[in-house]
Structures are given as C-alpha cells and as structure tokens.
Amino acid sequence: MSDLRFVPRFVRAVGSVRYLARVFTAVICAVSCGVAIAATGTAPASVATSARPSASAVANHPARAVDASGVAVPDAAGVVDPRRAFLLRDVFAQDVTRRLKVPAAEQRAYADRLQTALGEHMLGNLSGEYVVLVDRNANVQALFIYFRAAPSDGWQMIGASPVSTGRPGEYDHFITPLGVFEHTPSNMDFRSEGTLNENHIRGYGKRDMRIFDLGWAQGERGWGKGGMSQMRFQMHATDPDRLEPLLGIRHSKGCVRIPASLNAFIDHYGILDAEYVALVESGKSLWVLKSDRQVTPWAGRYIVVVDSARKSRPAWAPAPGSKVRAKVPAGADTAD
C-alpha cells in the first residue's frame, strides 16, 4: 500500500545545471497550476491565455488525466490541509463512469440527511474522513460520497452514482436495512472470482472486484408476512454486462450493488478503509488489499443508508430504460 505523494522523475540526465533548474521550475509550476485547476475548476489566467493549445493539438492529444498522486501533498510544514480531500472530486469525475449530476440544492438536502443519521448514532461530530451515503428509496437508488474537514463545516459531496438495493416480493429478498454501518476487518472483505452462476450471471461482478462486507444486519423480509431477520449485508459490484445497466432500480436481494468503476475507485483510494489501514500499520498483512493502492489521509469507515421517502423520481436519478430491462435474463435478481 502506498500513500499519495508526488515523486518527480527525470527520464535522462542533463548536462547543464541551468537547464536542470529551468526544468525543475517548470515542473513545480505545472504541479501548482494543476492543483489550482483541480481545486477551482478554472485555469489561472496566465495558463488560459498564453498556453492554450491549437484545435489540431487538442484533437491529437486528449486532455491530460487528473494526477491523483498530488491530492495529499503536504505543505512546507509537512501538514496536509484536510480541504485537499475535495480534490478527489476531479479524480471521481475522471475514474467513475456511472455518475449522477446532483443539483446543489439536492446535495445540501442529502448532507442534512447524512448529518441527521450520524447524529442518531452518536456520530454527530464525525469529520475528517469520507463517508458513503446510500438512498434506498425506490425512486432514487443512488450512492453519494461526502466529506467535511471539521465538525463545524457542512458536508460536501465528492461524487454520486446509481445503485441497486433490495427488491421485495420474492423469497429471500430483503429490503436494504437503514442505519449507519461500520466497515471493519472484523468482517473481512474478499474479492470476486468472476465466475458465472446457473443463470450465467457474475453476481459479484468481474474477477478481482472487492466485496465490502458489513457483517450481519437485521433486514426486513420482502416476502410472506414480512418481519425482521438476519441478513448478510454487503456492498459490491455486479455483472458488468447484464446487471450493471440496471443500476438505478431496486434489483438486489438486499445488498447494495454499485458500478464496477465506483468499486475500483472506493477500493483504490481507501475511501472506507480507515480500520484496514490501522491494521496494516500495526504490522498485519492483508491479502485483500492491493499493493498499488493510493490511500488518502481521509480514509473513512461508515456506510449510511437512508430513505428519502420520495414519491416520484427526480430527473437527476434516471431509471434504466425498457430496452435495458427487456434484456435481463430470468433469475438475474438472485445473483447476490
């Protein structure tokens, strides 16, 4: 596991000290400008006017990828400003292919729901770490990542994606439970083998996708006379070809299904790995963690599930179309 840090590389030695100094200055300027763009979404005036490429250059050279290694760069005193956690918004926008454009007013409303849920579980002062929020409402089916630097700050959204939660109506199908769930190595994660079941479905997604295991939870039965029973609560990817296009409607047996690209994002940057990081730092070796991870200083541990009680579907959370639903094979909802 590697922390996020910027390590300059020189491809070949140069003979001139003056040339070396000019190159080093240019690199520092480029990094500074890149951070400014990531933080504000706007290039500095000097960059925008004097270094604008031609149309042909843009066509032949796609826009430069966001460099996630610069997110947690410390200042001169060796301190990492927690507000740099918001730079991961740009990485999310680059890496996560299934995204929702949530209006600012809705982002604030979900921030309030998050704070209320945390307060009800004696976590009202939680800050300095990422938190995953899920709205299980049938008309929404969305996941949000939030962060705030201090308890006095408001929660701000990093990004949002469609999900699928528990669909009632069939045997062994639970309604995804509400509450605050801690992601801990006490319920050790594992990785998908990518194998097909009898319905030719890869229930945990393609090979190597991480299954975030939240342990046993009390879930409401979605069949028979209802009532509560124990269910194994997990968050995981799903079949990329047959089921991922269905994200946005209730379709699981109770778990939270997420896009593969979001699974990789949460895994790679340790969004929910605070306790896994602590275990590794104590000297433990965990096979489930990849060696090339870039864990930020703001790794979290909580998944919060709420129900917004919406009666209609908002435009920013569209449901999959009829053509997508028509291609779903029988028994697909039993994949997890």
Protein backbone atom coordinates (compact mmCIF):
# COMPACT_ATOMS: atom_id res chain seq x y z
CA MET A 1 0.00 0.00 0.00
CA SER A 2 1.34 3.46 -0.84
CA ASP A 3 0.29 6.83 0.47
CA LEU A 4 -0.47 9.57 -2.05
CA ARG A 5 2.61 11.62 -2.75
CA PHE A 6 4.25 13.41 -5.66
CA VAL A 7 7.61 11.93 -6.75
CA PRO A 8 9.29 13.78 -9.67
CA ARG A 9 11.04 11.61 -12.26
CA PHE A 10 13.79 12.52 -14.71
CA VAL A 11 13.95 10.33 -17.76
CA ARG A 12 17.59 11.12 -18.62
CA ALA A 13 20.44 13.12 -17.15
CA VAL A 14 21.05 16.60 -18.50
CA GLY A 15 24.44 18.18 -18.77
CA SER A 16 23.56 21.73 -17.95
CA VAL A 17 22.82 22.89 -14.41
CA ARG A 18 20.97 25.90 -15.81
CA TYR A 19 18.80 23.67 -17.96
CA LEU A 20 18.10 21.41 -15.00
CA ALA A 21 16.97 24.41 -12.97
CA ARG A 22 14.64 25.54 -15.73
CA VAL A 23 13.11 22.06 -16.00
CA PHE A 24 12.63 21.82 -12.23
CA THR A 25 10.94 25.24 -12.15
CA ALA A 26 8.61 24.24 -14.98
CA VAL A 27 7.62 21.05 -13.19
CA ILE A 28 6.81 22.89 -9.98
CA CYS A 29 4.74 25.42 -11.93
CA ALA A 30 2.85 22.67 -13.73
CA VAL A 31 2.02 20.90 -10.50
CA SER A 32 0.89 24.14 -8.85
CA CYS A 33 -1.32 25.01 -11.79
CA GLY A 34 -2.74 21.52 -11.84
CA VAL A 35 -3.69 21.74 -8.18
CA ALA A 36 -5.25 25.16 -8.73
CA ILE A 37 -7.32 23.86 -11.61
CA ALA A 38 -8.45 20.83 -9.61
CA ALA A 39 -9.44 22.98 -6.65
CA THR A 40 -11.27 25.71 -8.53
CA GLY A 41 -12.23 24.13 -11.84
CA THR A 42 -10.69 27.17 -13.60
CA ALA A 43 -7.24 27.57 -15.04
CA PRO A 44 -5.14 30.55 -13.90
CA ALA A 45 -5.29 33.47 -16.35
CA SER A 46 -1.66 33.07 -17.41
CA VAL A 47 -2.25 29.45 -18.29
CA ALA A 48 -5.55 30.09 -20.03
CA THR A 49 -4.20 32.81 -22.31
CA SER A 50 -0.57 32.06 -23.00
CA ALA A 51 -0.56 28.25 -23.09
CA ARG A 52 -3.78 27.47 -24.92
CA PRO A 53 -3.20 24.66 -27.48
CA SER A 54 -4.47 24.79 -31.04
CA ALA A 55 -7.58 22.90 -32.12
CA SER A 56 -5.49 20.35 -34.01
CA ALA A 57 -3.27 19.78 -30.98
CA VAL A 58 -6.32 19.12 -28.80
CA ALA A 59 -7.68 16.64 -31.34
CA ASN A 60 -4.38 14.72 -31.47
CA HIS A 61 -3.63 14.88 -27.75
CA PRO A 62 -6.55 14.22 -25.36
CA ALA A 63 -6.84 16.24 -22.16
CA ARG A 64 -4.27 15.27 -19.54
CA ALA A 65 -5.60 12.93 -16.86
CA VAL A 66 -6.05 14.15 -13.31
CA ASP A 67 -2.97 13.18 -11.29
CA ALA A 68 -4.34 11.66 -8.10
CA SER A 69 -0.83 11.49 -6.61
CA GLY A 70 -0.99 15.24 -5.99
CA VAL A 71 -4.09 15.14 -3.81
CA ALA A 72 -2.38 14.70 -0.45
CA VAL A 73 0.76 16.79 -0.94
CA PRO A 74 1.89 18.30 2.41
CA ASP A 75 2.75 21.97 2.83
CA ALA A 76 6.16 23.34 3.84
CA ALA A 77 5.49 22.38 7.47
CA GLY A 78 4.71 18.80 6.48
CA VAL A 79 0.98 19.21 7.15
CA VAL A 80 -1.71 18.07 4.71
CA ASP A 81 -4.60 20.53 4.56
CA PRO A 82 -7.79 18.44 5.04
CA ARG A 83 -9.56 20.62 2.50
CA ARG A 84 -7.41 18.93 -0.13
CA ALA A 85 -9.74 15.97 0.32
CA PHE A 86 -12.14 17.76 -2.02
CA LEU A 87 -9.63 17.44 -4.88
CA LEU A 88 -10.78 13.83 -5.16
CA ARG A 89 -13.88 15.19 -6.90
CA ASP A 90 -11.86 15.55 -10.08
CA VAL A 91 -10.49 12.02 -9.75
CA PHE A 92 -14.03 10.71 -9.22
CA ALA A 93 -15.22 12.53 -12.35
CA GLN A 94 -12.35 11.01 -14.31
CA ASP A 95 -12.42 7.44 -12.99
CA VAL A 96 -16.09 6.67 -12.28
CA THR A 97 -18.02 6.08 -15.50
CA ARG A 98 -21.53 5.88 -13.99
CA ARG A 99 -22.12 9.29 -12.41
CA LEU A 100 -25.14 11.32 -11.35
CA LYS A 101 -25.33 15.11 -11.78
CA VAL A 102 -26.92 16.02 -8.47
CA PRO A 103 -28.14 19.66 -8.22
CA ALA A 104 -26.59 21.78 -5.49
CA ALA A 105 -29.86 22.04 -3.54
CA GLU A 106 -30.17 18.24 -3.55
CA GLN A 107 -26.57 17.86 -2.43
CA ARG A 108 -27.32 20.05 0.58
CA ALA A 109 -30.51 18.12 1.34
CA TYR A 110 -28.62 14.83 1.37
CA ALA A 111 -25.91 16.41 3.52
CA ASP A 112 -28.62 17.20 6.05
CA ARG A 113 -29.93 13.61 5.89
CA LEU A 114 -26.42 12.33 6.44
CA GLN A 115 -25.86 14.56 9.46
CA THR A 116 -29.20 13.55 10.98
CA ALA A 117 -28.41 9.85 10.59
CA LEU A 118 -24.94 10.26 12.09
CA GLY A 119 -26.37 12.26 14.99
CA GLU A 120 -28.84 9.50 15.75
CA HIS A 121 -25.89 7.11 16.13
CA MET A 122 -23.78 9.39 18.36
CA LEU A 123 -21.54 10.36 15.44
CA GLY A 124 -22.69 13.94 15.02
CA ASN A 125 -19.14 15.30 15.31
CA LEU A 126 -17.65 12.96 12.73
CA SER A 127 -15.32 14.79 10.34
CA GLY A 128 -12.00 14.46 8.56
CA GLU A 129 -12.97 11.25 6.78
CA TYR A 130 -15.00 10.21 3.75
CA VAL A 131 -18.49 8.82 4.34
CA VAL A 132 -20.63 6.82 1.91
CA LEU A 133 -24.36 7.61 1.87
CA VAL A 134 -26.99 5.46 0.11
CA ASP A 135 -30.60 6.45 -0.58
CA ARG A 136 -32.51 3.18 -0.85
CA ASN A 137 -35.72 4.91 -1.94
CA ALA A 138 -37.21 3.15 -4.98
CA ASN A 139 -37.37 6.44 -6.88
CA VAL A 140 -33.73 7.35 -6.28
CA GLN A 141 -31.35 4.37 -5.81
CA ALA A 142 -28.19 6.44 -5.50
CA LEU A 143 -24.87 6.46 -3.64
CA PHE A 144 -23.07 9.63 -2.58
CA ILE A 145 -19.58 10.17 -1.15
CA TYR A 146 -19.33 13.08 1.30
CA PHE A 147 -16.58 14.83 3.26
CA ARG A 148 -16.15 17.65 5.74
CA ALA A 149 -12.91 18.84 7.28
CA ALA A 150 -14.28 19.82 10.71
CA PRO A 151 -17.48 19.28 12.75
CA SER A 152 -18.41 22.93 12.27
CA ASP A 153 -18.33 22.54 8.47
CA GLY A 154 -21.16 21.32 6.28
CA TRP A 155 -20.85 18.02 4.47
CA GLN A 156 -19.93 18.43 0.79
CA MET A 157 -20.39 15.88 -1.96
CA ILE A 158 -17.44 14.29 -3.74
CA GLY A 159 -19.50 12.36 -6.29
CA ALA A 160 -22.63 10.26 -6.83
CA SER A 161 -23.55 7.10 -8.77
CA PRO A 162 -26.63 4.91 -9.36
CA VAL A 163 -27.02 1.72 -7.32
CA SER A 164 -29.46 -1.13 -6.82
CA THR A 165 -30.74 -2.08 -3.38
CA GLY A 166 -33.07 -4.82 -2.11
CA ARG A 167 -36.19 -5.58 -4.14
CA PRO A 168 -39.08 -7.04 -2.14
CA GLY A 169 -41.61 -9.51 -3.47
CA GLU A 170 -39.69 -12.76 -3.76
CA TYR A 171 -38.41 -15.32 -1.29
CA ASP A 172 -35.10 -14.49 0.40
CA HIS A 173 -35.23 -10.88 -0.82
CA PHE A 174 -34.69 -8.28 1.89
CA ILE A 175 -35.31 -4.55 1.91
CA THR A 176 -31.89 -2.98 2.34
CA PRO A 177 -31.59 -2.02 6.03
CA LEU A 178 -31.45 1.58 7.22
CA GLY A 179 -28.78 2.87 9.57
CA VAL A 180 -25.06 3.50 9.99
CA PHE A 181 -22.83 0.52 9.23
CA GLU A 182 -19.16 0.32 10.12
CA HIS A 183 -16.75 -1.20 7.62
CA THR A 184 -14.28 -3.16 9.74
CA PRO A 185 -11.83 -6.06 9.28
CA SER A 186 -13.91 -7.93 11.87
CA ASN A 187 -15.99 -8.82 8.78
CA MET A 188 -13.10 -9.26 6.36
CA ASP A 189 -13.65 -8.24 2.74
CA PHE A 190 -12.89 -10.58 -0.13
CA ARG A 191 -12.64 -10.40 -3.93
CA SER A 192 -14.80 -11.72 -6.70
CA GLU A 193 -13.76 -14.80 -8.63
CA GLY A 194 -15.77 -13.59 -11.62
CA THR A 195 -17.42 -16.97 -12.13
CA LEU A 196 -20.86 -17.48 -13.68
CA ASN A 197 -23.79 -18.94 -11.75
CA GLU A 198 -26.50 -21.21 -13.18
CA ASN A 199 -28.16 -18.16 -14.75
CA HIS A 200 -24.89 -17.11 -16.43
CA ILE A 201 -24.59 -14.15 -14.08
CA ARG A 202 -21.44 -12.95 -12.32
CA GLY A 203 -23.14 -11.95 -9.09
CA TYR A 204 -20.14 -10.15 -7.58
CA GLY A 205 -19.00 -8.69 -10.88
CA LYS A 206 -15.90 -9.37 -12.88
CA ARG A 207 -12.85 -11.03 -11.38
CA ASP A 208 -10.98 -9.12 -8.65
CA MET A 209 -13.83 -6.75 -7.74
CA ARG A 210 -13.84 -6.10 -3.99
CA ILE A 211 -16.77 -7.13 -1.82
CA PHE A 212 -17.20 -4.70 1.07
CA ASP A 213 -18.57 -6.89 3.86
CA LEU A 214 -20.57 -5.13 6.58
CA GLY A 215 -21.42 -8.25 8.53
CA TRP A 216 -24.81 -9.47 9.76
CA ALA A 217 -27.65 -6.97 9.98
CA GLN A 218 -31.34 -7.00 10.79
CA GLY A 219 -33.19 -6.76 7.50
CA GLU A 220 -36.89 -6.54 6.72
CA ARG A 221 -38.10 -9.58 4.84
CA GLY A 222 -39.62 -8.67 1.49
CA TRP A 223 -41.72 -11.81 1.20
CA GLY A 224 -44.51 -13.54 3.07
CA LYS A 225 -45.73 -11.68 6.14
CA GLY A 226 -42.60 -9.57 6.38
CA GLY A 227 -40.91 -9.18 9.72
CA MET A 228 -37.20 -8.94 10.51
CA SER A 229 -34.43 -11.50 10.01
CA GLN A 230 -30.65 -11.61 9.91
CA MET A 231 -29.10 -10.94 6.51
CA ARG A 232 -25.51 -10.63 5.36
CA PHE A 233 -25.10 -7.01 4.33
CA GLN A 234 -22.56 -6.24 1.62
CA MET A 235 -21.74 -3.61 -0.97
CA HIS A 236 -20.31 -4.95 -4.21
CA ALA A 237 -20.10 -4.71 -7.99
CA THR A 238 -22.42 -6.72 -10.20
CA ASP A 239 -22.44 -8.42 -13.58
CA PRO A 240 -20.97 -5.72 -15.87
CA ASP A 241 -22.87 -6.83 -18.97
CA ARG A 242 -26.29 -7.94 -17.74
CA LEU A 243 -26.92 -6.22 -14.42
CA GLU A 244 -24.84 -3.05 -14.24
CA PRO A 245 -27.08 -1.39 -16.88
CA LEU A 246 -29.97 -1.94 -14.42
CA LEU A 247 -28.45 0.18 -11.67
CA GLY A 248 -30.95 2.84 -10.67
CA ILE A 249 -33.79 0.48 -9.72
CA ARG A 250 -34.25 -1.95 -6.82
CA HIS A 251 -32.96 -5.29 -8.02
CA SER A 252 -30.80 -6.98 -5.37
CA LYS A 253 -31.57 -9.43 -2.56
CA GLY A 254 -30.71 -6.76 -0.01
CA CYS A 255 -27.12 -5.79 -0.71
CA VAL A 256 -26.04 -2.55 -2.38
CA ARG A 257 -24.91 -3.15 -5.96
CA ILE A 258 -22.56 -0.50 -7.36
CA PRO A 259 -20.85 0.18 -10.71
CA ALA A 260 -17.52 -1.57 -11.31
CA SER A 261 -15.71 1.73 -11.79
CA LEU A 262 -17.05 3.01 -8.45
CA ASN A 263 -16.00 -0.25 -6.78
CA ALA A 264 -12.47 0.24 -8.11
CA PHE A 265 -12.45 3.91 -7.01
CA ILE A 266 -13.52 3.15 -3.42
CA ASP A 267 -11.03 0.28 -3.28
CA HIS A 268 -8.04 2.06 -4.81
CA TYR A 269 -8.28 5.23 -2.73
CA GLY A 270 -9.28 3.52 0.51
CA ILE A 271 -12.49 5.53 0.87
CA LEU A 272 -13.81 3.09 3.50
CA ASP A 273 -10.53 1.64 4.75
CA ALA A 274 -9.67 3.56 7.94
CA GLU A 275 -9.67 0.42 10.08
CA TYR A 276 -7.92 -1.65 7.42
CA VAL A 277 -5.18 0.99 7.26
CA ALA A 278 -4.81 0.91 11.05
CA LEU A 279 -4.46 -2.87 10.95
CA VAL A 280 -1.77 -2.71 8.27
CA GLU A 281 0.11 0.00 10.16
CA SER A 282 0.14 -2.29 13.21
CA GLY A 283 2.10 -4.81 11.17
CA LYS A 284 -0.62 -7.04 9.75
CA SER A 285 -0.57 -8.23 6.15
CA LEU A 286 -3.95 -8.29 4.39
CA TRP A 287 -4.13 -10.15 1.10
CA VAL A 288 -7.36 -8.38 0.11
CA LEU A 289 -5.54 -5.03 -0.19
CA LYS A 290 -3.70 -4.36 -3.43
CA SER A 291 -0.08 -3.22 -3.36
CA ASP A 292 -0.62 -0.32 -5.78
CA ARG A 293 -3.39 1.37 -3.74
CA GLN A 294 -3.22 5.13 -3.17
CA VAL A 295 -4.89 5.57 0.20
CA THR A 296 -5.62 9.16 1.19
CA PRO A 297 -5.19 10.52 4.74
CA TRP A 298 -9.00 10.78 4.97
CA ALA A 299 -9.97 7.11 4.71
CA GLY A 300 -13.35 6.53 6.33
CA ARG A 301 -15.30 3.59 7.71
CA TYR A 302 -19.04 4.30 7.58
CA ILE A 303 -21.79 3.49 5.09
CA VAL A 304 -25.03 5.28 5.92
CA VAL A 305 -28.33 4.08 4.42
CA VAL A 306 -31.34 6.41 4.38
CA ASP A 307 -34.71 6.56 2.67
CA SER A 308 -35.71 9.96 1.31
CA ALA A 309 -39.37 8.85 1.04
CA ARG A 310 -39.69 10.42 -2.41
CA LYS A 311 -42.96 9.80 -4.21
CA SER A 312 -41.61 10.50 -7.68
CA ARG A 313 -38.29 10.07 -9.45
CA PRO A 314 -36.07 13.16 -9.76
CA ALA A 315 -34.63 13.97 -13.17
CA TRP A 316 -31.04 13.63 -11.90
CA ALA A 317 -31.60 9.94 -10.97
CA PRO A 318 -33.00 8.37 -14.16
CA ALA A 319 -34.20 4.77 -14.22
CA PRO A 320 -32.88 2.33 -16.83
CA GLY A 321 -34.98 2.20 -19.98
CA SER A 322 -37.34 -0.55 -21.13
CA LYS A 323 -34.80 -1.88 -23.66
CA VAL A 324 -32.29 -2.49 -20.90
CA ARG A 325 -34.84 -4.22 -18.69
CA ALA A 326 -36.01 -6.44 -21.55
CA LYS A 327 -32.50 -7.93 -21.90
CA VAL A 328 -32.31 -9.10 -18.30
CA PRO A 329 -32.36 -12.91 -18.10
CA ALA A 330 -34.66 -14.84 -15.77
CA GLY A 331 -33.31 -15.32 -12.28
CA ALA A 332 -30.86 -12.42 -12.59
CA ASP A 333 -32.07 -10.80 -9.38
CA THR A 334 -30.90 -13.85 -7.43
CA ALA A 335 -27.26 -13.13 -8.31
CA ASP A 336 -26.32 -12.00 -4.82
